């Protein structure tokens, strides 16, 4: 029998969550939307063309708590005028614990 607990933790937002990224290479800021998030990465949607291996700082808010993390874009898919990107995040245990706590609270309030 297959158990879901063998899958990595990933939270998919019911409504894409607004966020901001800073492209480190040229110090440009863009508004984005987060599609889903895990302890070590996220999937985002952007109306700006981003490229694989771009280093970014992503900032977003969950339940009035501002969260920032450094990451790298590992894949890009063009979807019409927008692009979806997979990002690996450079996180520590404090970040991961805080994120899980906030996402559990969010899941309770949105269910």
N, C-alpha and C. Protein backbone atom coordinates (compact mmCIF):
# COMPACT_ATOMS: atom_id res chain seq x y z
N UNK A 1 0.84 -1.18 0.00
CA UNK A 1 0.00 0.00 0.00
C UNK A 1 0.88 1.25 0.00
N UNK A 2 0.49 2.24 -0.78
CA UNK A 2 1.25 3.48 -0.90
C UNK A 2 0.76 4.50 0.12
N UNK A 3 1.69 5.13 0.83
CA UNK A 3 1.34 6.14 1.82
C UNK A 3 1.78 7.51 1.34
N UNK A 4 0.89 8.51 1.47
CA UNK A 4 1.23 9.86 1.05
C UNK A 4 2.37 10.45 1.86
N UNK A 5 2.58 9.98 3.07
CA UNK A 5 3.63 10.57 3.90
C UNK A 5 5.02 10.37 3.31
N UNK A 6 5.15 9.50 2.30
CA UNK A 6 6.44 9.34 1.63
C UNK A 6 6.71 10.47 0.64
N UNK A 7 5.67 11.26 0.34
CA UNK A 7 5.84 12.38 -0.57
C UNK A 7 6.41 13.57 0.20
N UNK A 8 7.19 14.41 -0.47
CA UNK A 8 7.70 15.61 0.21
C UNK A 8 6.55 16.58 0.49
N UNK A 9 6.71 17.39 1.53
CA UNK A 9 5.71 18.37 1.91
C UNK A 9 5.64 19.47 0.87
N UNK A 10 4.44 19.76 0.38
CA UNK A 10 4.24 20.85 -0.58
C UNK A 10 2.84 21.41 -0.34
N UNK A 11 2.74 22.73 -0.25
CA UNK A 11 1.45 23.39 -0.04
C UNK A 11 1.10 24.16 -1.31
N UNK A 12 -0.08 23.87 -1.88
CA UNK A 12 -0.56 24.59 -3.04
C UNK A 12 -1.60 25.60 -2.58
N UNK A 13 -1.37 26.85 -2.92
CA UNK A 13 -2.28 27.92 -2.51
C UNK A 13 -3.56 27.85 -3.33
N UNK A 14 -4.72 28.07 -2.67
CA UNK A 14 -5.99 28.09 -3.39
C UNK A 14 -6.03 29.26 -4.36
N UNK A 15 -5.54 30.41 -3.92
CA UNK A 15 -5.35 31.57 -4.79
C UNK A 15 -3.86 31.85 -4.81
N UNK A 16 -3.34 32.08 -5.98
CA UNK A 16 -1.89 32.35 -6.08
C UNK A 16 -1.53 33.53 -5.19
N UNK A 17 -0.49 33.34 -4.39
CA UNK A 17 -0.11 34.32 -3.38
C UNK A 17 0.82 35.37 -3.96
N UNK A 18 0.49 36.66 -3.78
CA UNK A 18 1.38 37.70 -4.28
C UNK A 18 2.71 37.71 -3.53
N UNK A 19 3.76 37.99 -4.26
CA UNK A 19 5.10 38.04 -3.68
C UNK A 19 5.95 38.97 -4.53
N UNK A 20 7.18 39.15 -4.11
CA UNK A 20 8.11 39.99 -4.84
C UNK A 20 9.44 39.27 -4.92
N UNK A 21 10.11 39.40 -6.07
CA UNK A 21 11.47 38.87 -6.16
C UNK A 21 12.42 40.00 -6.51
N UNK A 22 13.63 39.83 -6.07
CA UNK A 22 14.73 40.72 -6.43
C UNK A 22 15.73 39.88 -7.20
N UNK A 23 15.98 40.25 -8.47
CA UNK A 23 17.02 39.58 -9.24
C UNK A 23 18.36 40.12 -8.77
N UNK A 24 19.19 39.26 -8.23
CA UNK A 24 20.44 39.70 -7.63
C UNK A 24 21.40 40.26 -8.67
N UNK A 25 21.44 39.68 -9.87
CA UNK A 25 22.43 40.09 -10.88
C UNK A 25 22.29 41.55 -11.32
N UNK A 26 21.06 42.06 -11.38
CA UNK A 26 20.90 43.45 -11.83
C UNK A 26 20.00 44.29 -10.92
N UNK A 27 19.73 43.78 -9.73
CA UNK A 27 19.01 44.52 -8.69
C UNK A 27 17.63 44.98 -9.16
N UNK A 28 16.94 44.16 -9.96
CA UNK A 28 15.59 44.48 -10.42
C UNK A 28 14.57 43.77 -9.55
N UNK A 29 13.47 44.48 -9.26
CA UNK A 29 12.37 43.91 -8.47
C UNK A 29 11.17 43.66 -9.39
N UNK A 30 10.52 42.51 -9.16
CA UNK A 30 9.33 42.15 -9.92
C UNK A 30 8.27 41.60 -8.97
N UNK A 31 7.01 41.90 -9.29
CA UNK A 31 5.91 41.25 -8.59
C UNK A 31 5.67 39.90 -9.25
N UNK A 32 5.42 38.91 -8.43
CA UNK A 32 5.16 37.55 -8.91
C UNK A 32 3.97 36.99 -8.14
N UNK A 33 3.61 35.76 -8.45
CA UNK A 33 2.60 35.01 -7.71
C UNK A 33 3.19 33.63 -7.39
N UNK A 34 3.01 33.20 -6.15
CA UNK A 34 3.48 31.87 -5.75
C UNK A 34 2.35 30.88 -5.97
N UNK A 35 2.64 29.80 -6.69
CA UNK A 35 1.66 28.75 -6.97
C UNK A 35 1.67 27.72 -5.85
N UNK A 36 2.86 27.24 -5.51
CA UNK A 36 2.99 26.31 -4.39
C UNK A 36 4.35 26.49 -3.74
N UNK A 37 4.47 25.92 -2.55
CA UNK A 37 5.70 26.11 -1.79
C UNK A 37 5.99 24.85 -0.98
N UNK A 38 7.26 24.58 -0.79
CA UNK A 38 7.71 23.51 0.09
C UNK A 38 8.80 24.08 0.99
N UNK A 39 9.36 23.24 1.82
CA UNK A 39 10.40 23.70 2.74
C UNK A 39 11.64 24.18 2.00
N UNK A 40 11.90 23.62 0.84
CA UNK A 40 13.14 23.93 0.12
C UNK A 40 12.95 24.57 -1.24
N UNK A 41 11.71 24.93 -1.58
CA UNK A 41 11.51 25.52 -2.89
C UNK A 41 10.10 26.02 -3.10
N UNK A 42 9.89 26.60 -4.27
CA UNK A 42 8.56 27.08 -4.62
C UNK A 42 8.40 27.12 -6.13
N UNK A 43 7.15 27.20 -6.54
CA UNK A 43 6.80 27.37 -7.95
C UNK A 43 6.13 28.72 -8.07
N UNK A 44 6.62 29.53 -9.00
CA UNK A 44 6.09 30.88 -9.13
C UNK A 44 5.63 31.16 -10.55
N UNK A 45 4.82 32.20 -10.67
CA UNK A 45 4.35 32.68 -11.96
C UNK A 45 4.75 34.14 -12.08
N UNK A 46 5.28 34.52 -13.24
CA UNK A 46 5.74 35.89 -13.45
C UNK A 46 5.36 36.36 -14.85
N UNK A 47 5.06 37.64 -14.97
CA UNK A 47 4.83 38.21 -16.30
C UNK A 47 6.14 38.70 -16.91
N UNK A 48 7.23 38.61 -16.17
CA UNK A 48 8.57 38.97 -16.66
C UNK A 48 9.32 37.70 -17.02
N UNK A 49 10.12 37.77 -18.06
CA UNK A 49 10.91 36.62 -18.47
C UNK A 49 12.08 36.43 -17.50
N UNK A 50 12.10 35.30 -16.87
CA UNK A 50 13.19 34.94 -15.96
C UNK A 50 13.98 33.81 -16.61
N UNK A 51 15.21 33.63 -16.20
CA UNK A 51 16.04 32.59 -16.81
C UNK A 51 16.56 31.63 -15.76
N UNK A 52 16.79 30.42 -16.24
CA UNK A 52 17.36 29.38 -15.40
C UNK A 52 18.69 29.87 -14.82
N UNK A 53 18.95 29.54 -13.59
CA UNK A 53 20.15 29.88 -12.83
C UNK A 53 20.17 31.31 -12.30
N UNK A 54 19.10 32.09 -12.54
CA UNK A 54 19.03 33.41 -11.92
C UNK A 54 19.00 33.25 -10.40
N UNK A 55 19.78 34.04 -9.71
CA UNK A 55 19.75 34.08 -8.24
C UNK A 55 18.75 35.16 -7.85
N UNK A 56 17.88 34.82 -6.88
CA UNK A 56 16.83 35.75 -6.48
C UNK A 56 16.69 35.80 -4.97
N UNK A 57 16.04 36.86 -4.51
CA UNK A 57 15.55 36.93 -3.14
C UNK A 57 14.04 37.06 -3.28
N UNK A 58 13.30 36.16 -2.66
CA UNK A 58 11.85 36.18 -2.73
C UNK A 58 11.29 36.63 -1.39
N UNK A 59 10.27 37.49 -1.43
CA UNK A 59 9.63 38.01 -0.22
C UNK A 59 8.13 37.84 -0.36
N UNK A 60 7.49 37.32 0.68
CA UNK A 60 6.04 37.14 0.65
C UNK A 60 5.51 37.16 2.08
N UNK A 61 4.20 37.25 2.19
CA UNK A 61 3.55 37.32 3.50
C UNK A 61 2.56 36.18 3.63
N UNK A 62 2.62 35.50 4.77
CA UNK A 62 1.63 34.49 5.13
C UNK A 62 1.14 34.84 6.53
N UNK A 63 -0.16 35.04 6.65
CA UNK A 63 -0.80 35.38 7.94
C UNK A 63 -0.04 36.52 8.63
N UNK A 64 0.11 37.61 7.94
CA UNK A 64 0.77 38.82 8.47
C UNK A 64 2.22 38.63 8.88
N UNK A 65 2.84 37.56 8.45
CA UNK A 65 4.25 37.30 8.76
C UNK A 65 5.04 37.42 7.46
N UNK A 66 5.99 38.34 7.42
CA UNK A 66 6.82 38.54 6.23
C UNK A 66 7.93 37.50 6.21
N UNK A 67 8.11 36.86 5.06
CA UNK A 67 9.11 35.81 4.90
C UNK A 67 10.00 36.17 3.71
N UNK A 68 11.30 36.03 3.88
CA UNK A 68 12.27 36.28 2.80
C UNK A 68 13.22 35.09 2.72
N UNK A 69 13.61 34.74 1.50
CA UNK A 69 14.56 33.65 1.31
C UNK A 69 15.35 33.88 0.03
N UNK A 70 16.56 33.39 0.02
CA UNK A 70 17.42 33.44 -1.16
C UNK A 70 17.21 32.15 -1.94
N UNK A 71 17.19 32.25 -3.26
CA UNK A 71 16.98 31.06 -4.06
C UNK A 71 17.59 31.16 -5.44
N UNK A 72 17.43 30.07 -6.19
CA UNK A 72 17.92 30.00 -7.57
C UNK A 72 16.86 29.36 -8.44
N UNK A 73 16.61 29.94 -9.60
CA UNK A 73 15.65 29.38 -10.54
C UNK A 73 16.27 28.16 -11.19
N UNK A 74 15.56 27.02 -11.11
CA UNK A 74 16.11 25.77 -11.64
C UNK A 74 15.40 25.29 -12.91
N UNK A 75 14.21 25.80 -13.18
CA UNK A 75 13.55 25.51 -14.45
C UNK A 75 12.59 26.64 -14.78
N UNK A 76 12.32 26.80 -16.08
CA UNK A 76 11.41 27.84 -16.57
C UNK A 76 10.54 27.23 -17.66
N UNK A 77 9.21 27.48 -17.58
CA UNK A 77 8.27 27.07 -18.63
C UNK A 77 7.48 28.30 -19.05
N UNK A 78 7.47 28.57 -20.33
CA UNK A 78 6.71 29.71 -20.86
C UNK A 78 5.26 29.26 -21.03
N UNK A 79 4.34 30.05 -20.49
CA UNK A 79 2.90 29.76 -20.58
C UNK A 79 2.20 31.02 -21.12
N UNK A 80 2.14 31.12 -22.45
CA UNK A 80 1.57 32.32 -23.06
C UNK A 80 2.46 33.53 -22.80
N UNK A 81 1.89 34.55 -22.18
CA UNK A 81 2.66 35.77 -21.87
C UNK A 81 3.34 35.70 -20.52
N UNK A 82 3.13 34.62 -19.81
CA UNK A 82 3.73 34.47 -18.48
C UNK A 82 4.70 33.31 -18.48
N UNK A 83 5.51 33.26 -17.44
CA UNK A 83 6.38 32.10 -17.28
C UNK A 83 6.20 31.54 -15.87
N UNK A 84 6.31 30.24 -15.78
CA UNK A 84 6.32 29.56 -14.49
C UNK A 84 7.74 29.09 -14.25
N UNK A 85 8.18 29.21 -13.00
CA UNK A 85 9.55 28.85 -12.65
C UNK A 85 9.56 28.00 -11.40
N UNK A 86 10.49 27.07 -11.36
CA UNK A 86 10.78 26.33 -10.15
C UNK A 86 12.00 26.94 -9.49
N UNK A 87 11.92 27.14 -8.19
CA UNK A 87 12.99 27.79 -7.45
C UNK A 87 13.41 26.90 -6.29
N UNK A 88 14.71 26.67 -6.16
CA UNK A 88 15.22 26.03 -4.94
C UNK A 88 15.61 27.15 -3.99
N UNK A 89 15.25 26.97 -2.72
CA UNK A 89 15.53 27.98 -1.71
C UNK A 89 16.65 27.51 -0.80
N UNK A 90 17.51 28.43 -0.44
CA UNK A 90 18.59 28.17 0.51
C UNK A 90 18.03 28.50 1.90
N UNK A 91 17.55 27.48 2.61
CA UNK A 91 16.86 27.69 3.88
C UNK A 91 17.57 26.99 5.02
N UNK A 92 17.22 27.41 6.24
CA UNK A 92 17.74 26.75 7.43
C UNK A 92 16.58 26.17 8.23
N UNK A 93 16.88 25.51 9.34
CA UNK A 93 15.84 24.88 10.15
C UNK A 93 14.84 25.88 10.71
N UNK A 94 15.29 27.07 11.07
CA UNK A 94 14.39 28.08 11.61
C UNK A 94 13.36 28.48 10.55
N UNK A 95 13.82 28.73 9.34
CA UNK A 95 12.91 29.09 8.24
C UNK A 95 11.91 27.97 8.00
N UNK A 96 12.40 26.73 7.88
CA UNK A 96 11.52 25.60 7.58
C UNK A 96 10.47 25.40 8.66
N UNK A 97 10.88 25.50 9.92
CA UNK A 97 9.94 25.33 11.03
C UNK A 97 8.89 26.44 11.02
N UNK A 98 9.33 27.67 10.81
CA UNK A 98 8.40 28.81 10.77
C UNK A 98 7.42 28.67 9.60
N UNK A 99 7.92 28.27 8.44
CA UNK A 99 7.07 28.11 7.27
C UNK A 99 6.01 27.05 7.51
N UNK A 100 6.40 25.91 8.03
CA UNK A 100 5.44 24.83 8.28
C UNK A 100 4.36 25.28 9.26
N UNK A 101 4.77 25.96 10.32
CA UNK A 101 3.81 26.46 11.32
C UNK A 101 2.81 27.41 10.66
N UNK A 102 3.30 28.35 9.87
CA UNK A 102 2.42 29.31 9.20
C UNK A 102 1.49 28.63 8.19
N UNK A 103 2.00 27.67 7.45
CA UNK A 103 1.17 26.99 6.46
C UNK A 103 0.10 26.13 7.12
N UNK A 104 0.42 25.54 8.26
CA UNK A 104 -0.60 24.78 9.01
C UNK A 104 -1.71 25.71 9.48
N UNK A 105 -1.33 26.89 9.99
CA UNK A 105 -2.33 27.87 10.42
C UNK A 105 -3.18 28.32 9.23
N UNK A 106 -2.53 28.58 8.11
CA UNK A 106 -3.24 29.00 6.91
C UNK A 106 -4.21 27.92 6.43
N UNK A 107 -3.78 26.68 6.45
CA UNK A 107 -4.64 25.57 6.03
C UNK A 107 -5.88 25.48 6.91
N UNK A 108 -5.73 25.72 8.20
CA UNK A 108 -6.88 25.68 9.11
C UNK A 108 -7.87 26.80 8.81
N UNK A 109 -7.35 27.98 8.48
CA UNK A 109 -8.24 29.12 8.24
C UNK A 109 -8.90 29.09 6.88
N UNK A 110 -8.32 28.38 5.92
CA UNK A 110 -8.89 28.35 4.57
C UNK A 110 -9.70 27.10 4.28
N UNK A 111 -9.74 26.16 5.22
CA UNK A 111 -10.49 24.92 4.94
C UNK A 111 -11.91 25.00 5.44
